[in-house]
Amino acid sequence: MNSKISVMKKLVLSSLILFSFIFSNAQAPNPVSWTFTAKKTADKTYEVHLTATVQSGWHLYSQVQPDDAVVNPTAIKFAANPLVKLDGKVKETGKMEKFHDARLGVSANQYAGSVDFVQVVKLKGKAKTNITGTVEFQTCDDKKCLPPKKVSFSVPVN
């Protein structure tokens, strides 16, 4: 009888731990939403826009950080595509804030509200294709930073 009670206790405890883990993950804040679009600017030339909308009170880090930064900069990786050539580097459009904490001696380049990451691409021929890749980013508010998050994207160009 005691062994059955012990097994039941373990089962109930395991279930509680599992449900609390699922519930805590479901409640994790997600302060950034992304949209991915392409705009034709010339024959076979497009701007791919990766636009982040950041909730009030939160900020997203720039791709480029000062030497004393201790944050994870936004990193955009495009998957190889034989039909497409990337033209230049990803540009950021938005109001960059240069944060500095004298007490800790660290700085960061960050955005609040929204930021648009723009990559110019050129098609190598007349074809329909998708520009795919990932954006890895970190967000913080005044009290905490969330772990870096990775989002995949696929943007049609034709």
Protein backbone atom coordinates (compact mmCIF):
# COMPACT_ATOMS: atom_id res chain seq x y z
CA MET A 1 0.00 0.00 0.00
CA ASN A 2 2.81 2.42 0.89
CA SER A 3 4.51 1.82 -2.45
CA LYS A 4 1.29 2.71 -4.29
CA ILE A 5 1.00 5.96 -2.30
CA SER A 6 4.66 6.74 -2.97
CA VAL A 7 4.16 6.20 -6.72
CA MET A 8 1.03 8.38 -6.65
CA LYS A 9 2.91 11.15 -4.83
CA LYS A 10 5.70 11.04 -7.40
CA LEU A 11 3.20 11.10 -10.25
CA VAL A 12 1.31 14.07 -8.78
CA LEU A 13 4.57 15.94 -8.08
CA SER A 14 5.86 15.27 -11.61
CA SER A 15 2.57 16.49 -13.08
CA LEU A 16 2.69 19.68 -11.01
CA ILE A 17 6.25 20.40 -12.10
CA LEU A 18 5.35 19.76 -15.75
CA PHE A 19 2.26 22.01 -15.61
CA SER A 20 4.16 24.80 -13.84
CA PHE A 21 6.88 24.62 -16.51
CA ILE A 22 4.32 24.79 -19.33
CA PHE A 23 2.44 27.62 -17.60
CA SER A 24 5.61 29.64 -16.93
CA ASN A 25 6.68 29.30 -20.58
CA ALA A 26 3.22 30.31 -21.77
CA GLN A 27 3.43 33.45 -19.64
CA ALA A 28 6.88 34.50 -20.87
CA PRO A 29 6.77 38.04 -22.24
CA ASN A 30 7.17 38.51 -25.97
CA PRO A 31 7.79 42.26 -26.31
CA VAL A 32 8.80 42.24 -30.00
CA SER A 33 6.67 41.43 -33.03
CA TRP A 34 8.19 41.11 -36.50
CA THR A 35 6.94 41.71 -40.03
CA PHE A 36 8.88 40.69 -43.12
CA THR A 37 8.25 42.29 -46.54
CA ALA A 38 9.97 43.00 -49.85
CA LYS A 39 9.67 46.15 -51.96
CA LYS A 40 10.76 46.30 -55.60
CA THR A 41 12.98 49.36 -56.16
CA ALA A 42 14.30 48.68 -59.69
CA ASP A 43 14.46 45.90 -62.27
CA LYS A 44 15.56 42.76 -60.35
CA THR A 45 16.35 44.87 -57.24
CA TYR A 46 14.42 44.66 -53.97
CA GLU A 47 14.62 45.95 -50.43
CA VAL A 48 13.89 43.25 -47.88
CA HIS A 49 12.42 44.83 -44.72
CA LEU A 50 12.62 43.07 -41.37
CA THR A 51 10.60 45.36 -39.13
CA ALA A 52 10.53 45.01 -35.35
CA THR A 53 7.76 46.61 -33.31
CA VAL A 54 8.83 46.84 -29.68
CA GLN A 55 6.34 47.15 -26.81
CA SER A 56 6.52 50.24 -24.62
CA GLY A 57 9.12 49.97 -21.87
CA TRP A 58 11.27 47.49 -23.80
CA HIS A 59 14.18 47.94 -26.19
CA LEU A 60 15.92 45.92 -28.88
CA TYR A 61 19.66 46.07 -29.48
CA SER A 62 21.32 47.34 -32.66
CA GLN A 63 23.53 45.13 -34.83
CA VAL A 64 26.49 47.36 -33.98
CA GLN A 65 27.52 47.85 -30.37
CA PRO A 66 30.21 49.88 -28.61
CA ASP A 67 33.30 48.05 -27.34
CA ASP A 68 32.10 48.15 -23.72
CA ALA A 69 28.66 46.63 -24.49
CA VAL A 70 27.73 43.42 -22.69
CA VAL A 71 24.54 42.73 -24.65
CA ASN A 72 23.71 40.43 -27.54
CA PRO A 73 23.46 42.55 -30.70
CA THR A 74 20.77 41.76 -33.25
CA ALA A 75 22.17 39.31 -35.81
CA ILE A 76 20.55 38.74 -39.19
CA LYS A 77 21.57 35.74 -41.26
CA PHE A 78 20.37 35.17 -44.80
CA ALA A 79 20.26 31.63 -46.15
CA ALA A 80 22.28 31.01 -49.30
CA ASN A 81 20.21 31.36 -52.45
CA PRO A 82 21.82 30.88 -55.88
CA LEU A 83 19.19 33.18 -57.48
CA VAL A 84 19.96 36.16 -55.24
CA LYS A 85 22.91 38.43 -54.49
CA LEU A 86 22.98 40.51 -51.30
CA ASP A 87 23.94 44.10 -52.11
CA GLY A 88 25.78 45.75 -49.21
CA LYS A 89 25.11 45.34 -45.51
CA VAL A 90 21.84 45.38 -43.57
CA LYS A 91 20.93 48.99 -42.73
CA GLU A 92 18.93 50.06 -39.69
CA THR A 93 16.21 52.70 -39.91
CA GLY A 94 14.86 54.06 -36.66
CA LYS A 95 15.75 56.31 -33.77
CA MET A 96 18.82 54.74 -32.19
CA GLU A 97 19.30 55.44 -28.49
CA LYS A 98 22.84 55.43 -27.13
CA PHE A 99 22.49 54.05 -23.61
CA HIS A 100 25.29 54.42 -21.06
CA ASP A 101 25.35 53.22 -17.44
CA ALA A 102 28.17 55.09 -15.69
CA ARG A 103 27.73 53.00 -12.53
CA LEU A 104 28.40 49.74 -14.40
CA GLY A 105 30.65 51.27 -17.06
CA VAL A 106 28.76 49.76 -19.98
CA SER A 107 27.06 51.17 -23.06
CA ALA A 108 24.61 49.90 -25.67
CA ASN A 109 23.02 51.00 -28.93
CA GLN A 110 19.32 50.23 -28.75
CA TYR A 111 15.90 50.96 -30.25
CA ALA A 112 12.52 51.52 -28.64
CA GLY A 113 9.20 51.61 -30.47
CA SER A 114 10.31 50.24 -33.83
CA VAL A 115 13.27 49.64 -36.08
CA ASP A 116 13.43 48.56 -39.72
CA PHE A 117 16.36 46.39 -40.84
CA VAL A 118 16.74 46.73 -44.62
CA GLN A 119 18.79 44.53 -46.96
CA VAL A 120 19.04 45.31 -50.67
CA VAL A 121 19.00 42.18 -52.84
CA LYS A 122 19.39 41.66 -56.56
CA LEU A 123 17.91 38.78 -58.50
CA LYS A 124 20.43 37.13 -60.82
CA GLY A 125 17.74 36.43 -63.42
CA LYS A 126 14.02 36.46 -64.01
CA ALA A 127 12.77 34.10 -61.36
CA LYS A 128 10.45 33.86 -58.41
CA THR A 129 12.17 32.97 -55.17
CA ASN A 130 12.12 33.56 -51.43
CA ILE A 131 14.65 35.32 -49.27
CA THR A 132 14.96 33.25 -46.11
CA GLY A 133 16.96 33.45 -42.92
CA THR A 134 16.87 34.17 -39.22
CA VAL A 135 16.94 37.14 -36.90
CA GLU A 136 18.48 36.59 -33.47
CA PHE A 137 17.81 39.37 -30.99
CA GLN A 138 17.65 40.25 -27.31
CA THR A 139 15.23 42.56 -25.54
CA CYS A 140 15.46 44.25 -22.17
CA ASP A 141 13.42 46.56 -20.01
CA ASP A 142 14.65 48.61 -17.04
CA LYS A 143 14.64 45.57 -14.74
CA LYS A 144 15.54 42.51 -16.76
CA CYS A 145 16.76 41.11 -20.04
CA LEU A 146 15.13 38.17 -21.76
CA PRO A 147 17.27 35.40 -23.22
CA PRO A 148 18.16 35.86 -26.90
CA LYS A 149 15.43 34.70 -29.25
CA LYS A 150 15.65 33.50 -32.86
CA VAL A 151 12.91 34.06 -35.46
CA SER A 152 12.89 32.58 -38.96
CA PHE A 153 11.63 34.50 -41.97
CA SER A 154 10.73 33.88 -45.60
CA VAL A 155 9.98 36.78 -47.95
CA PRO A 156 8.82 36.20 -51.54
CA VAL A 157 10.48 38.24 -54.31
CA ASN A 158 9.45 38.02 -57.97
